[in-house]
N, C-alpha and C. Protein backbone atom coordinates (compact mmCIF):
# COMPACT_ATOMS: atom_id res chain seq x y z
N MET A 1 0.82 -1.19 0.00
CA MET A 1 0.00 0.00 0.00
C MET A 1 0.86 1.25 0.00
N THR A 2 0.32 2.28 -0.56
CA THR A 2 1.02 3.56 -0.57
C THR A 2 0.88 4.21 0.79
N HIS A 3 1.95 4.80 1.26
CA HIS A 3 1.88 5.53 2.53
C HIS A 3 1.92 7.02 2.23
N PHE A 4 1.00 7.73 2.86
CA PHE A 4 0.83 9.14 2.56
C PHE A 4 1.43 10.06 3.62
N ASN A 5 2.13 9.50 4.63
CA ASN A 5 2.70 10.32 5.70
C ASN A 5 3.65 11.37 5.17
N SER A 6 4.39 11.04 4.15
CA SER A 6 5.38 11.98 3.63
C SER A 6 4.75 13.23 3.05
N LEU A 7 3.44 13.19 2.78
CA LEU A 7 2.75 14.35 2.23
C LEU A 7 2.09 15.18 3.32
N ASN A 8 2.37 14.86 4.60
CA ASN A 8 1.85 15.60 5.75
C ASN A 8 0.34 15.60 5.84
N TYR A 9 -0.29 14.49 5.52
CA TYR A 9 -1.73 14.35 5.72
C TYR A 9 -1.97 14.02 7.18
N SER A 10 -3.12 14.38 7.68
CA SER A 10 -3.49 14.01 9.04
C SER A 10 -3.70 12.50 9.08
N GLU A 11 -3.64 11.94 10.28
CA GLU A 11 -3.83 10.49 10.41
C GLU A 11 -5.19 10.07 9.87
N GLY A 12 -6.22 10.85 10.13
CA GLY A 12 -7.56 10.52 9.66
C GLY A 12 -7.64 10.53 8.15
N MET A 13 -7.02 11.53 7.55
CA MET A 13 -7.05 11.61 6.09
C MET A 13 -6.22 10.50 5.48
N GLU A 14 -5.11 10.18 6.12
CA GLU A 14 -4.28 9.09 5.60
C GLU A 14 -5.06 7.78 5.64
N ALA A 15 -5.79 7.54 6.71
CA ALA A 15 -6.59 6.32 6.83
C ALA A 15 -7.65 6.29 5.74
N GLN A 16 -8.26 7.43 5.47
CA GLN A 16 -9.28 7.49 4.42
C GLN A 16 -8.66 7.22 3.04
N LEU A 17 -7.49 7.78 2.81
CA LEU A 17 -6.82 7.55 1.53
C LEU A 17 -6.42 6.09 1.37
N ILE A 18 -5.96 5.48 2.45
CA ILE A 18 -5.60 4.06 2.39
C ILE A 18 -6.83 3.20 2.12
N ALA A 19 -7.94 3.53 2.78
CA ALA A 19 -9.19 2.80 2.55
C ALA A 19 -9.66 2.99 1.11
N LEU A 20 -9.55 4.21 0.59
CA LEU A 20 -9.93 4.48 -0.79
C LEU A 20 -9.06 3.70 -1.76
N GLU A 21 -7.76 3.68 -1.48
CA GLU A 21 -6.83 2.93 -2.33
C GLU A 21 -7.21 1.45 -2.34
N LYS A 22 -7.58 0.90 -1.19
CA LYS A 22 -7.98 -0.50 -1.10
C LYS A 22 -9.24 -0.75 -1.92
N LYS A 23 -10.21 0.14 -1.82
CA LYS A 23 -11.45 0.00 -2.58
C LYS A 23 -11.19 0.08 -4.08
N ILE A 24 -10.30 0.97 -4.48
CA ILE A 24 -9.97 1.11 -5.91
C ILE A 24 -9.31 -0.16 -6.42
N LYS A 25 -8.42 -0.74 -5.62
CA LYS A 25 -7.78 -2.00 -6.02
C LYS A 25 -8.80 -3.12 -6.14
N GLN A 26 -9.77 -3.16 -5.22
CA GLN A 26 -10.82 -4.17 -5.29
C GLN A 26 -11.66 -3.97 -6.56
N LEU A 27 -11.97 -2.73 -6.86
CA LEU A 27 -12.76 -2.43 -8.05
C LEU A 27 -12.01 -2.85 -9.32
N ILE A 28 -10.73 -2.56 -9.37
CA ILE A 28 -9.91 -2.96 -10.52
C ILE A 28 -9.91 -4.48 -10.66
N SER A 29 -9.80 -5.16 -9.54
CA SER A 29 -9.81 -6.63 -9.57
C SER A 29 -11.14 -7.16 -10.09
N LEU A 30 -12.25 -6.56 -9.64
CA LEU A 30 -13.57 -6.98 -10.11
C LEU A 30 -13.73 -6.71 -11.61
N ILE A 31 -13.24 -5.58 -12.06
CA ILE A 31 -13.33 -5.25 -13.49
C ILE A 31 -12.53 -6.25 -14.31
N GLU A 32 -11.33 -6.55 -13.88
CA GLU A 32 -10.49 -7.51 -14.60
C GLU A 32 -11.15 -8.89 -14.64
N SER A 33 -11.76 -9.28 -13.53
CA SER A 33 -12.46 -10.57 -13.48
C SER A 33 -13.63 -10.58 -14.45
N ALA A 34 -14.40 -9.50 -14.47
CA ALA A 34 -15.54 -9.40 -15.37
C ALA A 34 -15.09 -9.43 -16.83
N GLN A 35 -13.98 -8.77 -17.11
CA GLN A 35 -13.45 -8.77 -18.48
C GLN A 35 -13.06 -10.18 -18.91
N GLY A 36 -12.45 -10.93 -18.01
CA GLY A 36 -12.08 -12.31 -18.30
C GLY A 36 -13.30 -13.17 -18.56
N LYS A 37 -14.33 -13.00 -17.73
CA LYS A 37 -15.56 -13.76 -17.93
C LYS A 37 -16.23 -13.38 -19.25
N ASN A 38 -16.23 -12.09 -19.58
CA ASN A 38 -16.81 -11.64 -20.84
C ASN A 38 -16.10 -12.28 -22.02
N LYS A 39 -14.77 -12.34 -21.96
CA LYS A 39 -13.99 -12.95 -23.03
C LYS A 39 -14.39 -14.40 -23.22
N GLY A 40 -14.52 -15.11 -22.11
CA GLY A 40 -14.94 -16.51 -22.17
C GLY A 40 -16.34 -16.66 -22.75
N LEU A 41 -17.24 -15.76 -22.36
CA LEU A 41 -18.61 -15.82 -22.88
C LEU A 41 -18.66 -15.47 -24.37
N GLU A 42 -17.81 -14.55 -24.80
CA GLU A 42 -17.75 -14.21 -26.23
C GLU A 42 -17.29 -15.42 -27.04
N THR A 43 -16.30 -16.12 -26.53
CA THR A 43 -15.81 -17.32 -27.21
C THR A 43 -16.90 -18.39 -27.26
N GLN A 44 -17.57 -18.58 -26.12
CA GLN A 44 -18.65 -19.57 -26.06
C GLN A 44 -19.79 -19.20 -27.01
N LEU A 45 -20.14 -17.93 -27.08
CA LEU A 45 -21.20 -17.48 -27.97
C LEU A 45 -20.83 -17.73 -29.43
N ALA A 46 -19.60 -17.42 -29.80
CA ALA A 46 -19.16 -17.64 -31.18
C ALA A 46 -19.25 -19.13 -31.53
N SER A 47 -18.83 -19.97 -30.61
CA SER A 47 -18.90 -21.41 -30.84
C SER A 47 -20.35 -21.88 -30.98
N THR A 48 -21.20 -21.38 -30.12
CA THR A 48 -22.63 -21.76 -30.16
C THR A 48 -23.28 -21.29 -31.46
N GLU A 49 -22.93 -20.09 -31.89
CA GLU A 49 -23.48 -19.57 -33.15
C GLU A 49 -23.01 -20.42 -34.33
N ALA A 50 -21.75 -20.85 -34.31
CA ALA A 50 -21.24 -21.70 -35.39
C ALA A 50 -21.96 -23.04 -35.40
N THR A 51 -22.21 -23.59 -34.22
CA THR A 51 -22.94 -24.85 -34.11
C THR A 51 -24.37 -24.69 -34.63
N LEU A 52 -25.00 -23.58 -34.26
CA LEU A 52 -26.36 -23.31 -34.73
C LEU A 52 -26.41 -23.23 -36.25
N THR A 53 -25.47 -22.53 -36.84
CA THR A 53 -25.42 -22.40 -38.30
C THR A 53 -25.26 -23.76 -38.95
N LYS A 54 -24.39 -24.59 -38.40
CA LYS A 54 -24.18 -25.94 -38.94
C LYS A 54 -25.43 -26.78 -38.82
N LEU A 55 -26.11 -26.71 -37.67
CA LEU A 55 -27.33 -27.49 -37.47
C LEU A 55 -28.45 -27.01 -38.40
N GLN A 56 -28.54 -25.72 -38.62
CA GLN A 56 -29.54 -25.19 -39.55
C GLN A 56 -29.27 -25.69 -40.96
N SER A 57 -28.02 -25.72 -41.34
CA SER A 57 -27.64 -26.23 -42.64
C SER A 57 -27.99 -27.71 -42.77
N ASN A 58 -27.70 -28.47 -41.73
CA ASN A 58 -28.03 -29.90 -41.73
C ASN A 58 -29.53 -30.13 -41.86
N MET A 59 -30.31 -29.32 -41.15
CA MET A 59 -31.77 -29.44 -41.22
C MET A 59 -32.27 -29.12 -42.63
N LYS A 60 -31.73 -28.10 -43.23
CA LYS A 60 -32.13 -27.72 -44.59
C LYS A 60 -31.81 -28.86 -45.56
N GLU A 61 -30.60 -29.39 -45.45
CA GLU A 61 -30.18 -30.50 -46.31
C GLU A 61 -31.07 -31.72 -46.10
N ALA A 62 -31.39 -32.05 -44.87
CA ALA A 62 -32.25 -33.20 -44.58
C ALA A 62 -33.64 -32.99 -45.15
N SER A 63 -34.14 -31.78 -45.05
CA SER A 63 -35.46 -31.45 -45.59
C SER A 63 -35.50 -31.63 -47.10
N ILE A 64 -34.47 -31.16 -47.78
CA ILE A 64 -34.39 -31.30 -49.24
C ILE A 64 -34.32 -32.77 -49.63
N ARG A 65 -33.50 -33.54 -48.92
CA ARG A 65 -33.38 -34.97 -49.23
C ARG A 65 -34.69 -35.70 -48.99
N LEU A 66 -35.37 -35.35 -47.91
CA LEU A 66 -36.66 -35.98 -47.60
C LEU A 66 -37.69 -35.67 -48.68
N GLU A 67 -37.72 -34.43 -49.12
CA GLU A 67 -38.65 -34.05 -50.19
C GLU A 67 -38.35 -34.84 -51.47
N LYS A 68 -37.09 -35.01 -51.80
CA LYS A 68 -36.72 -35.79 -52.99
C LYS A 68 -37.17 -37.24 -52.85
N MET A 69 -36.97 -37.81 -51.67
CA MET A 69 -37.38 -39.19 -51.44
C MET A 69 -38.90 -39.34 -51.54
N MET A 70 -39.63 -38.36 -51.03
CA MET A 70 -41.10 -38.42 -51.08
C MET A 70 -41.59 -38.35 -52.52
N LYS A 71 -40.91 -37.59 -53.37
CA LYS A 71 -41.30 -37.49 -54.77
C LYS A 71 -41.07 -38.81 -55.51
N GLN A 72 -40.16 -39.62 -55.00
CA GLN A 72 -39.87 -40.90 -55.64
C GLN A 72 -40.86 -42.00 -55.25
N LEU A 73 -41.63 -41.76 -54.22
CA LEU A 73 -42.63 -42.76 -53.78
C LEU A 73 -43.77 -42.81 -54.81
N PRO A 74 -44.32 -43.97 -54.98
CA PRO A 74 -45.49 -44.07 -55.88
C PRO A 74 -46.62 -43.18 -55.34
N GLU A 75 -47.45 -42.70 -56.22
CA GLU A 75 -48.51 -41.76 -55.87
C GLU A 75 -49.44 -42.30 -54.79
N ASN A 76 -49.78 -43.58 -54.82
CA ASN A 76 -50.73 -44.13 -53.85
C ASN A 76 -50.12 -44.35 -52.46
N ASN A 77 -48.80 -44.22 -52.29
CA ASN A 77 -48.15 -44.37 -50.99
C ASN A 77 -47.94 -43.03 -50.27
N ARG A 78 -48.32 -41.98 -50.89
CA ARG A 78 -48.09 -40.66 -50.27
C ARG A 78 -49.18 -40.27 -49.33
């Protein structure tokens, strides 16, 4: 921690400055933690979106193939 005695602050003010410094460090730590979590969520979201796109493509392809197969069935089996 930074010591403020050399700046001739009163003991009360020095204690307040030390407490403020501690709170600022805690805030910085929380911000850094949130940034790390956000990065992880961004990566997870990108992966999920890629999976969704692939699954949508697979569904479209399956639908087209199913329609082709249905057209090949004799008329009375439809």
